[in-house]
Amino acid sequence: MKIISIIVPVYNEEKTIEKLLGMVKNMEVPLEKEIIVINDGSKDQSLEALKKINGIKLLSHNQNLGKGAAIKTGLANCSGDIIAIQDADLEYNPNQIPDLIKPILENETEIVYGSRLLNKKNKNWEIPTHYIANKALSLLATILYGYKITDVETCYKIFTKNVKNCINLELNDFGFEIEFTAKACKNGFKIKEVPINYTPRPYSEGKKINWRDGVKAFWYLLKFGLS
């Protein structure tokens, strides 16, 4: 049976991580599940909570290195034929992953993005500037890379082992989203987008990406697009 590796980067998510991983474990997919959780130097009780959870492969950074660094650690330690990125908060419901992997299982594509913007029901964006910035980033990515992308910053990036082996990731921060997209397009991979539900959370509940990450994202788009 094929394996799906679900990579979960964690930084200060003690309030949601147990429930999130319970949902991942109970999710029904026609594949063997490998759940890889990377504690990225959390300063709260996330690591202590994770040590009590069975059925996961737990890896840990001694200090906070960034989402990209956590994902790279996960990729270096996964064995899946298909890899899925899952955020540790509850903005993205993992029960959507079965629908996201279908185009890969049916040999339609090797990369699937879960697009929040393709689902017209997702109108309650907690931070409107994030919505505007993501629209602008996605438009610029479409222009630079020649593929129509509506949600370049989505957490849900699902891809095959072949894609993992073809893309050399460098960035350690939230720039992972841009770098992966840029290098996937430049390697000739087709990205299929599937509508997903999205429940945003405010900064008061732990949201971490900020305007500085947005500025860097535009820089990374140009850097990888023009290099």
Protein backbone atom coordinates (compact mmCIF):
# COMPACT_ATOMS: atom_id res chain seq x y z
CA MET A 1 0.00 0.00 0.00
CA LYS A 2 1.16 3.53 -0.75
CA ILE A 3 2.03 5.88 2.09
CA ILE A 4 0.93 9.46 2.68
CA SER A 5 3.26 11.50 4.88
CA ILE A 6 1.46 14.33 6.66
CA ILE A 7 3.98 16.92 7.84
CA VAL A 8 2.82 19.14 10.71
CA PRO A 9 5.10 22.06 11.72
CA VAL A 10 4.35 23.21 15.29
CA TYR A 11 5.30 26.43 17.04
CA ASN A 12 3.42 27.41 20.21
CA GLU A 13 0.21 25.53 19.41
CA GLU A 14 -0.57 23.93 22.78
CA LYS A 15 -4.24 24.96 22.52
CA THR A 16 -4.95 23.20 19.22
CA ILE A 17 -2.33 20.52 18.55
CA GLU A 18 -4.01 17.63 20.39
CA LYS A 19 -7.36 18.17 18.66
CA LEU A 20 -5.71 18.72 15.27
CA LEU A 21 -3.67 15.52 15.45
CA GLY A 22 -6.75 13.61 16.59
CA MET A 23 -8.50 14.77 13.42
CA VAL A 24 -5.51 13.75 11.29
CA LYS A 25 -5.37 10.30 12.88
CA ASN A 26 -9.12 9.75 12.37
CA MET A 27 -9.08 11.00 8.78
CA GLU A 28 -9.94 8.24 6.31
CA VAL A 29 -7.67 7.89 3.28
CA PRO A 30 -6.96 4.86 1.05
CA LEU A 31 -3.29 5.05 2.04
CA GLU A 32 -1.13 4.19 5.00
CA LYS A 33 -0.63 7.32 7.11
CA GLU A 34 2.71 8.55 8.38
CA ILE A 35 2.25 11.58 10.67
CA ILE A 36 5.43 13.60 11.12
CA VAL A 37 5.29 16.41 13.66
CA ILE A 38 8.10 18.95 13.97
CA ASN A 39 8.21 20.97 17.17
CA ASP A 40 9.97 24.12 15.97
CA GLY A 41 11.38 25.37 19.27
CA SER A 42 8.01 26.01 20.93
CA LYS A 43 8.14 28.09 24.10
CA ASP A 44 4.77 26.96 25.45
CA GLN A 45 3.68 23.42 26.42
CA SER A 46 3.41 22.14 22.83
CA LEU A 47 6.35 19.74 23.14
CA GLU A 48 5.06 18.30 26.42
CA ALA A 49 1.63 17.76 24.83
CA LEU A 50 3.18 16.11 21.76
CA LYS A 51 5.21 13.65 23.85
CA LYS A 52 1.93 12.23 25.18
CA ILE A 53 0.45 11.58 21.73
CA ASN A 54 0.90 8.10 20.24
CA GLY A 55 1.07 7.23 16.56
CA ILE A 56 3.22 10.14 15.42
CA LYS A 57 6.87 10.59 14.50
CA LEU A 58 8.01 13.49 16.67
CA LEU A 59 11.02 15.59 15.70
CA SER A 60 12.16 18.73 17.48
CA HIS A 61 14.28 21.82 16.91
CA ASN A 62 16.04 23.26 19.96
CA GLN A 63 15.13 26.76 18.80
CA ASN A 64 12.57 28.33 16.51
CA LEU A 65 13.97 28.16 12.96
CA GLY A 66 10.83 28.91 10.92
CA LYS A 67 8.08 27.06 9.07
CA GLY A 68 10.28 26.36 6.07
CA ALA A 69 12.97 24.82 8.28
CA ALA A 70 10.39 22.63 10.01
CA ILE A 71 9.03 21.44 6.67
CA LYS A 72 12.53 20.68 5.41
CA THR A 73 13.16 18.57 8.52
CA GLY A 74 9.89 16.75 7.87
CA LEU A 75 10.74 16.14 4.22
CA ALA A 76 14.16 14.75 5.16
CA ASN A 77 12.51 12.24 7.49
CA CYS A 78 9.43 11.15 5.55
CA SER A 79 8.92 8.04 3.44
CA GLY A 80 5.60 8.85 1.79
CA ASP A 81 4.70 8.38 -1.86
CA ILE A 82 2.51 11.46 -1.33
CA ILE A 83 3.34 14.33 1.04
CA ALA A 84 0.84 16.74 2.58
CA ILE A 85 1.57 19.88 4.61
CA GLN A 86 -0.84 20.49 7.50
CA ASP A 87 -0.76 23.56 9.76
CA ALA A 88 -1.02 22.87 13.50
CA ASP A 89 -3.84 25.32 14.16
CA LEU A 90 -7.46 24.68 13.19
CA GLU A 91 -7.69 27.08 10.24
CA TYR A 92 -7.51 24.13 7.84
CA ASN A 93 -9.61 21.02 8.46
CA PRO A 94 -7.56 17.88 7.67
CA ASN A 95 -10.73 16.04 6.63
CA GLN A 96 -10.30 17.87 3.31
CA ILE A 97 -7.07 16.01 2.53
CA PRO A 98 -8.85 12.95 1.03
CA ASP A 99 -10.37 15.18 -1.68
CA LEU A 100 -7.05 16.93 -2.26
CA ILE A 101 -5.13 13.73 -2.95
CA LYS A 102 -7.65 12.39 -5.49
CA PRO A 103 -6.11 14.17 -8.53
CA ILE A 104 -2.73 12.65 -7.62
CA LEU A 105 -4.12 9.16 -7.09
CA GLU A 106 -5.89 9.44 -10.45
CA ASN A 107 -2.58 10.46 -12.14
CA GLU A 108 -4.00 13.83 -13.15
CA THR A 109 -1.18 15.82 -11.59
CA GLU A 110 1.71 15.56 -9.12
CA ILE A 111 0.90 18.72 -7.13
CA VAL A 112 -2.39 19.88 -5.64
CA TYR A 113 -3.03 23.16 -3.82
CA GLY A 114 -6.06 23.65 -1.62
CA SER A 115 -7.37 27.06 -2.69
CA ARG A 116 -9.26 29.19 -0.17
CA LEU A 117 -10.12 31.72 -2.86
CA LEU A 118 -11.81 29.23 -5.18
CA ASN A 119 -14.38 28.56 -2.46
CA LYS A 120 -16.75 31.55 -2.58
CA LYS A 121 -18.11 30.62 0.86
CA ASN A 122 -14.83 31.72 2.43
CA LYS A 123 -15.79 35.36 2.92
CA ASN A 124 -14.95 35.75 6.60
CA TRP A 125 -11.26 36.62 6.34
CA GLU A 126 -10.15 37.67 9.82
CA ILE A 127 -7.49 40.03 8.44
CA PRO A 128 -8.60 41.65 5.13
CA THR A 129 -5.06 42.82 4.32
CA HIS A 130 -3.95 39.17 4.22
CA TYR A 131 -6.66 38.47 1.63
CA ILE A 132 -5.56 41.43 -0.52
CA ALA A 133 -1.87 40.57 -0.23
CA ASN A 134 -2.51 36.93 -1.14
CA LYS A 135 -4.53 37.96 -4.19
CA ALA A 136 -1.67 40.23 -5.30
CA LEU A 137 0.97 37.56 -4.66
CA SER A 138 -1.03 34.95 -6.57
CA LEU A 139 -1.51 37.29 -9.53
CA LEU A 140 2.21 38.09 -9.63
CA ALA A 141 3.06 34.38 -9.40
CA THR A 142 0.72 33.68 -12.34
CA ILE A 143 2.45 36.38 -14.41
CA LEU A 144 5.99 35.33 -13.50
CA TYR A 145 5.60 31.56 -13.74
CA GLY A 146 2.98 31.16 -16.44
CA TYR A 147 0.59 29.04 -14.37
CA LYS A 148 -2.75 30.36 -13.09
CA ILE A 149 -2.57 30.20 -9.30
CA THR A 150 -5.29 31.67 -7.08
CA ASP A 151 -3.85 30.89 -3.63
CA VAL A 152 -0.06 30.73 -3.56
CA GLU A 153 0.07 31.15 0.25
CA THR A 154 -2.21 28.22 1.09
CA CYS A 155 -1.07 25.75 3.72
CA TYR A 156 -2.36 22.82 1.68
CA LYS A 157 0.38 21.84 -0.71
CA ILE A 158 0.10 18.14 -1.58
CA PHE A 159 2.73 16.54 -3.82
CA THR A 160 4.45 13.31 -4.81
CA LYS A 161 7.80 11.93 -3.73
CA ASN A 162 9.06 12.69 -7.24
CA VAL A 163 8.33 16.39 -6.72
CA LYS A 164 10.10 16.30 -3.36
CA ASN A 165 13.18 14.79 -4.99
CA CYS A 166 13.23 17.37 -7.80
CA ILE A 167 12.97 20.51 -5.67
CA ASN A 168 15.85 21.75 -3.52
CA LEU A 169 14.40 24.04 -0.85
CA GLU A 170 16.56 26.73 0.76
CA LEU A 171 14.36 29.12 2.77
CA ASN A 172 13.58 28.60 6.46
CA ASP A 173 10.76 31.09 6.97
CA PHE A 174 7.24 31.49 5.53
CA GLY A 175 9.00 32.04 2.19
CA PHE A 176 8.66 28.27 1.76
CA GLU A 177 5.25 28.87 0.17
CA ILE A 178 6.75 31.05 -2.57
CA GLU A 179 9.93 29.04 -3.08
CA PHE A 180 8.08 25.76 -3.46
CA THR A 181 5.66 27.27 -5.96
CA ALA A 182 8.41 28.93 -7.98
CA LYS A 183 10.61 25.85 -8.18
CA ALA A 184 7.69 23.55 -8.92
CA CYS A 185 6.67 25.71 -11.87
CA LYS A 186 10.23 26.07 -13.12
CA ASN A 187 10.60 22.28 -13.03
CA GLY A 188 7.55 21.96 -15.28
CA PHE A 189 5.13 20.51 -12.73
CA LYS A 190 1.43 21.23 -13.19
CA ILE A 191 -0.32 22.64 -10.12
CA LYS A 192 -4.00 21.76 -9.78
CA GLU A 193 -6.08 23.78 -7.34
CA VAL A 194 -9.05 22.35 -5.43
CA PRO A 195 -11.46 24.56 -3.42
CA ILE A 196 -11.20 24.20 0.37
CA ASN A 197 -12.93 25.57 3.46
CA TYR A 198 -10.99 27.98 5.65
CA THR A 199 -11.59 29.22 9.19
CA PRO A 200 -9.14 32.09 9.88
CA ARG A 201 -7.96 32.99 13.36
CA PRO A 202 -6.81 36.40 14.68
CA TYR A 203 -3.43 37.29 16.16
CA SER A 204 -4.99 37.09 19.62
CA GLU A 205 -5.43 33.34 19.07
CA GLY A 206 -1.89 32.75 17.86
CA LYS A 207 -1.73 33.70 14.17
CA LYS A 208 1.93 34.31 13.34
CA ILE A 209 2.38 35.52 9.76
CA ASN A 210 2.63 39.34 9.58
CA TRP A 211 3.20 42.21 7.15
CA ARG A 212 6.97 41.64 7.15
CA ASP A 213 6.40 38.13 5.82
CA GLY A 214 4.22 39.66 3.10
CA VAL A 215 6.97 42.04 2.03
CA LYS A 216 9.48 39.19 1.95
CA ALA A 217 7.03 37.08 -0.07
CA PHE A 218 6.93 39.70 -2.83
CA TRP A 219 10.73 39.82 -2.80
CA TYR A 220 11.00 36.02 -3.02
CA LEU A 221 8.53 35.96 -5.93
CA LEU A 222 10.70 38.37 -7.87
CA LYS A 223 13.94 36.70 -6.81
CA PHE A 224 12.92 33.22 -7.93
CA GLY A 225 10.91 34.49 -10.89
CA LEU A 226 13.68 36.54 -12.42
CA SER A 227 16.66 34.37 -11.48
